[in-house]
Amino acid sequence: MNFHRPSGVPEEVSHAKGKVKRVYRRYATPWEILRELPEVAKYLKEGVSIQELERRTGGQSDTAAAAEMQQAKQKLFASFQGKKTA
């Protein structure tokens, strides 16, 4: 689960002529959206608790997670350089 990358939460708005349009007024991480569901515990895998997920979210800031992701991507892309394919 992604704890740090926000996504747009669509809201459907109907116009006077009946056309339905999606509007993105709110952005939240998948964890924030899941946490708002009623009876969220029933959607979790066996052995996974809400308390454990909450603990994992507090371990790293959004900025630190983004920096870690960028470092991992740089390392991955650096491994591609210099390799020749036939």
N, C-alpha and C. Protein backbone atom coordinates (compact mmCIF):
# COMPACT_ATOMS: atom_id res chain seq x y z
N MET A 1 0.84 -1.17 0.00
CA MET A 1 0.00 0.00 0.00
C MET A 1 0.89 1.24 0.00
N ASN A 2 0.47 2.21 -0.75
CA ASN A 2 1.20 3.46 -0.80
C ASN A 2 0.69 4.39 0.30
N PHE A 3 1.57 4.76 1.20
CA PHE A 3 1.19 5.60 2.33
C PHE A 3 1.47 7.07 2.08
N HIS A 4 2.21 7.40 1.01
CA HIS A 4 2.70 8.76 0.87
C HIS A 4 2.29 9.48 -0.40
N ARG A 5 1.89 8.78 -1.44
CA ARG A 5 1.60 9.44 -2.71
C ARG A 5 0.10 9.71 -2.85
N PRO A 6 -0.29 10.97 -2.86
CA PRO A 6 -1.72 11.27 -2.96
C PRO A 6 -2.27 11.04 -4.37
N SER A 7 -3.53 10.71 -4.41
CA SER A 7 -4.25 10.51 -5.66
C SER A 7 -5.51 11.36 -5.62
N GLY A 8 -6.01 11.70 -6.79
CA GLY A 8 -7.25 12.45 -6.87
C GLY A 8 -8.44 11.56 -6.55
N VAL A 9 -9.38 12.06 -5.77
CA VAL A 9 -10.59 11.33 -5.42
C VAL A 9 -11.72 11.93 -6.25
N PRO A 10 -12.26 11.15 -7.21
CA PRO A 10 -13.28 11.72 -8.10
C PRO A 10 -14.62 11.93 -7.41
N GLU A 11 -15.29 12.97 -7.84
CA GLU A 11 -16.65 13.26 -7.38
C GLU A 11 -17.46 13.51 -8.64
N GLU A 12 -18.57 12.80 -8.80
CA GLU A 12 -19.38 12.97 -10.00
C GLU A 12 -20.38 14.11 -9.79
N VAL A 13 -20.38 15.03 -10.75
CA VAL A 13 -21.26 16.20 -10.70
C VAL A 13 -22.15 16.16 -11.93
N SER A 14 -23.46 16.26 -11.74
CA SER A 14 -24.42 16.27 -12.85
C SER A 14 -24.78 17.71 -13.20
N HIS A 15 -24.73 18.00 -14.49
CA HIS A 15 -25.12 19.32 -14.97
C HIS A 15 -26.62 19.34 -15.27
N ALA A 16 -27.15 20.50 -15.54
CA ALA A 16 -28.58 20.68 -15.78
C ALA A 16 -29.08 19.84 -16.96
N LYS A 17 -28.24 19.64 -17.97
CA LYS A 17 -28.65 18.88 -19.14
C LYS A 17 -28.45 17.37 -18.96
N GLY A 18 -28.01 16.96 -17.79
CA GLY A 18 -27.84 15.54 -17.50
C GLY A 18 -26.44 15.00 -17.72
N LYS A 19 -25.53 15.83 -18.20
CA LYS A 19 -24.16 15.37 -18.42
C LYS A 19 -23.47 15.20 -17.06
N VAL A 20 -22.78 14.07 -16.91
CA VAL A 20 -22.07 13.79 -15.67
C VAL A 20 -20.58 14.04 -15.90
N LYS A 21 -19.98 14.78 -15.00
CA LYS A 21 -18.58 15.14 -15.12
C LYS A 21 -17.87 14.77 -13.82
N ARG A 22 -16.66 14.28 -13.91
CA ARG A 22 -15.86 13.97 -12.72
C ARG A 22 -15.04 15.20 -12.34
N VAL A 23 -15.11 15.55 -11.07
CA VAL A 23 -14.38 16.69 -10.55
C VAL A 23 -13.48 16.19 -9.43
N TYR A 24 -12.24 16.64 -9.42
CA TYR A 24 -11.27 16.21 -8.41
C TYR A 24 -11.00 17.37 -7.47
N ARG A 25 -11.74 17.43 -6.38
CA ARG A 25 -11.60 18.52 -5.41
C ARG A 25 -10.73 18.11 -4.24
N ARG A 26 -10.54 16.81 -4.07
CA ARG A 26 -9.82 16.30 -2.91
C ARG A 26 -8.73 15.34 -3.35
N TYR A 27 -7.58 15.43 -2.72
CA TYR A 27 -6.48 14.52 -2.97
C TYR A 27 -6.10 13.86 -1.66
N ALA A 28 -5.93 12.54 -1.69
CA ALA A 28 -5.61 11.78 -0.49
C ALA A 28 -4.80 10.55 -0.87
N THR A 29 -4.05 10.02 0.07
CA THR A 29 -3.30 8.79 -0.17
C THR A 29 -4.27 7.62 -0.11
N PRO A 30 -3.91 6.50 -0.74
CA PRO A 30 -4.77 5.32 -0.65
C PRO A 30 -5.04 4.91 0.80
N TRP A 31 -4.07 5.06 1.68
CA TRP A 31 -4.27 4.71 3.09
C TRP A 31 -5.32 5.62 3.73
N GLU A 32 -5.30 6.90 3.44
CA GLU A 32 -6.30 7.82 4.00
C GLU A 32 -7.70 7.46 3.53
N ILE A 33 -7.81 7.07 2.27
CA ILE A 33 -9.11 6.70 1.71
C ILE A 33 -9.61 5.40 2.35
N LEU A 34 -8.73 4.41 2.47
CA LEU A 34 -9.10 3.14 3.08
C LEU A 34 -9.52 3.33 4.53
N ARG A 35 -8.80 4.16 5.25
CA ARG A 35 -9.06 4.39 6.68
C ARG A 35 -10.45 4.99 6.91
N GLU A 36 -10.99 5.70 5.94
CA GLU A 36 -12.30 6.34 6.07
C GLU A 36 -13.47 5.38 5.84
N LEU A 37 -13.20 4.19 5.30
CA LEU A 37 -14.27 3.23 5.04
C LEU A 37 -14.87 2.72 6.35
N PRO A 38 -16.18 2.51 6.37
CA PRO A 38 -16.76 1.89 7.55
C PRO A 38 -16.32 0.43 7.63
N GLU A 39 -16.06 -0.05 8.82
CA GLU A 39 -15.60 -1.41 9.04
C GLU A 39 -14.35 -1.74 8.22
N VAL A 40 -13.36 -0.87 8.29
CA VAL A 40 -12.14 -1.02 7.50
C VAL A 40 -11.41 -2.33 7.80
N ALA A 41 -11.52 -2.85 8.99
CA ALA A 41 -10.79 -4.06 9.37
C ALA A 41 -11.19 -5.26 8.50
N LYS A 42 -12.41 -5.30 8.01
CA LYS A 42 -12.83 -6.45 7.21
C LYS A 42 -12.18 -6.46 5.82
N TYR A 43 -11.59 -5.35 5.39
CA TYR A 43 -10.91 -5.28 4.09
C TYR A 43 -9.42 -5.62 4.18
N LEU A 44 -8.91 -5.79 5.38
CA LEU A 44 -7.48 -6.08 5.57
C LEU A 44 -7.23 -7.58 5.53
N LYS A 45 -6.01 -7.95 5.12
CA LYS A 45 -5.63 -9.35 5.12
C LYS A 45 -5.57 -9.87 6.56
N GLU A 46 -5.69 -11.17 6.68
CA GLU A 46 -5.61 -11.79 7.99
C GLU A 46 -4.20 -11.55 8.57
N GLY A 47 -4.15 -11.15 9.81
CA GLY A 47 -2.87 -10.89 10.46
C GLY A 47 -2.41 -9.44 10.35
N VAL A 48 -3.09 -8.63 9.56
CA VAL A 48 -2.75 -7.22 9.40
C VAL A 48 -3.75 -6.40 10.20
N SER A 49 -3.24 -5.52 11.03
CA SER A 49 -4.13 -4.70 11.86
C SER A 49 -4.02 -3.23 11.47
N ILE A 50 -5.03 -2.48 11.84
CA ILE A 50 -5.03 -1.04 11.59
C ILE A 50 -3.90 -0.38 12.37
N GLN A 51 -3.66 -0.87 13.59
CA GLN A 51 -2.59 -0.31 14.42
C GLN A 51 -1.22 -0.49 13.76
N GLU A 52 -1.00 -1.66 13.14
CA GLU A 52 0.28 -1.91 12.46
C GLU A 52 0.45 -0.97 11.27
N LEU A 53 -0.61 -0.78 10.51
CA LEU A 53 -0.53 0.13 9.37
C LEU A 53 -0.32 1.57 9.83
N GLU A 54 -0.97 1.97 10.89
CA GLU A 54 -0.77 3.32 11.44
C GLU A 54 0.68 3.51 11.86
N ARG A 55 1.26 2.48 12.46
CA ARG A 55 2.66 2.57 12.89
C ARG A 55 3.59 2.75 11.68
N ARG A 56 3.29 2.04 10.60
CA ARG A 56 4.11 2.14 9.40
C ARG A 56 4.02 3.51 8.75
N THR A 57 2.86 4.15 8.84
CA THR A 57 2.71 5.47 8.22
C THR A 57 3.51 6.53 8.96
N GLY A 58 3.64 6.40 10.27
CA GLY A 58 4.34 7.40 11.06
C GLY A 58 5.85 7.28 11.00
N GLY A 59 6.35 6.24 10.40
CA GLY A 59 7.79 6.00 10.38
C GLY A 59 8.56 6.90 9.42
N GLN A 60 7.89 7.52 8.48
CA GLN A 60 8.58 8.29 7.45
C GLN A 60 7.67 9.41 6.95
N SER A 61 8.26 10.57 6.72
CA SER A 61 7.47 11.69 6.19
C SER A 61 7.27 11.50 4.69
N ASP A 62 6.34 12.23 4.13
CA ASP A 62 6.08 12.16 2.69
C ASP A 62 7.32 12.56 1.90
N THR A 63 8.01 13.59 2.36
CA THR A 63 9.20 14.07 1.67
C THR A 63 10.32 13.03 1.73
N ALA A 64 10.51 12.41 2.88
CA ALA A 64 11.54 11.38 3.02
C ALA A 64 11.22 10.17 2.13
N ALA A 65 9.96 9.80 2.05
CA ALA A 65 9.56 8.68 1.19
C ALA A 65 9.82 9.01 -0.27
N ALA A 66 9.54 10.24 -0.69
CA ALA A 66 9.79 10.65 -2.07
C ALA A 66 11.29 10.64 -2.37
N ALA A 67 12.10 11.10 -1.43
CA ALA A 67 13.55 11.09 -1.63
C ALA A 67 14.08 9.66 -1.74
N GLU A 68 13.57 8.78 -0.92
CA GLU A 68 13.98 7.37 -0.97
C GLU A 68 13.59 6.74 -2.30
N MET A 69 12.40 7.07 -2.79
CA MET A 69 11.94 6.55 -4.08
C MET A 69 12.84 7.05 -5.21
N GLN A 70 13.21 8.32 -5.18
CA GLN A 70 14.09 8.87 -6.21
C GLN A 70 15.46 8.20 -6.20
N GLN A 71 16.00 7.94 -5.01
CA GLN A 71 17.29 7.25 -4.91
C GLN A 71 17.20 5.84 -5.48
N ALA A 72 16.12 5.14 -5.19
CA ALA A 72 15.93 3.79 -5.71
C ALA A 72 15.81 3.81 -7.23
N LYS A 73 15.11 4.80 -7.78
CA LYS A 73 14.98 4.91 -9.23
C LYS A 73 16.33 5.21 -9.88
N GLN A 74 17.11 6.10 -9.28
CA GLN A 74 18.43 6.42 -9.82
C GLN A 74 19.33 5.19 -9.83
N LYS A 75 19.28 4.41 -8.76
CA LYS A 75 20.09 3.19 -8.68
C LYS A 75 19.65 2.19 -9.75
N LEU A 76 18.34 2.05 -9.94
CA LEU A 76 17.81 1.14 -10.95
C LEU A 76 18.23 1.58 -12.35
N PHE A 77 18.05 2.86 -12.67
CA PHE A 77 18.39 3.35 -14.01
C PHE A 77 19.90 3.31 -14.26
N ALA A 78 20.70 3.51 -13.23
CA ALA A 78 22.15 3.41 -13.38
C ALA A 78 22.58 2.00 -13.73
N SER A 79 21.82 1.00 -13.27
CA SER A 79 22.16 -0.38 -13.58
C SER A 79 21.90 -0.70 -15.05
N PHE A 80 21.05 0.08 -15.73
CA PHE A 80 20.77 -0.14 -17.15
C PHE A 80 21.91 0.37 -18.04
N GLN A 81 22.59 1.41 -17.59
CA GLN A 81 23.62 2.04 -18.42
C GLN A 81 24.82 1.10 -18.56
N GLY A 82 25.36 1.07 -19.74
CA GLY A 82 26.54 0.26 -20.00
C GLY A 82 26.24 -1.17 -20.43
N LYS A 83 25.01 -1.60 -20.29
CA LYS A 83 24.64 -2.95 -20.73
C LYS A 83 24.21 -2.90 -22.18
N LYS A 84 24.78 -3.75 -22.97
CA LYS A 84 24.44 -3.82 -24.40
C LYS A 84 23.61 -5.07 -24.65
N THR A 85 22.61 -4.92 -25.49
CA THR A 85 21.82 -6.08 -25.88
C THR A 85 22.15 -6.45 -27.30
N ALA A 86 21.99 -7.71 -27.63
CA ALA A 86 22.37 -8.19 -28.97
C ALA A 86 21.32 -7.86 -29.99
